[in-house]
Amino acid sequence: MELEKALSELEKVYKDCLSSNWGGYGAEPIDEVTYQYAVSFLKLLPEDVPTPDICPEPAGDIGFEWRKRKGRTFIVGVDKEKTLSYVGLYDGENIPGEKTFEDTMPDIIIDLIKKVYQEITNP
C-alpha cells in the first residue's frame, strides 16, 4: 500500500467535509476523532494490501473501498465511536459485519480485503 498517498487523500477528504451539508444533501461533517481513527486504520494495514479508495460517508464516517471488478468489492467505514462497519461483496456472496476498532487490525478485515483479489479457480 502507498501509505503516504493514502494519508494525503484522507486528509483531503477530511478537510473537504468539515462542515455540515458538505455534499449538498444534508451530510454530517467528519470530526477530528473520526479522522484520527481513520489515520490509525490506514497505518495498521499491512504493506501487501492494495491502497483503498477513500470516501466520505453522509453520516460523518470515513469509508475505505477495495474493488477488483464489479461484484468483488470490500467496503469498511470508520466512525467516531470506534466502530468498523463493513460489507464484502464477492460474486453474489455478501458478508456484512461490525467490529470495534482497537489498537490492532481485526483479522477479518484483512481476510476480507484479500478475498477481493482472490479468484475462484475450478480444478
Foldseek 3Di string as FASTA:
>chain_A
DPLVVLLVQLVVQLVCFQCACSVVPGADGADPLLSVLVNLVSVQDDPPQDAFDWHADRPNWIKTKDADDPQFIKMWTTHNQQKTWIWTGHNNDIDTDIDRHDNHDDPVNNVSSVSSVDDDDDD
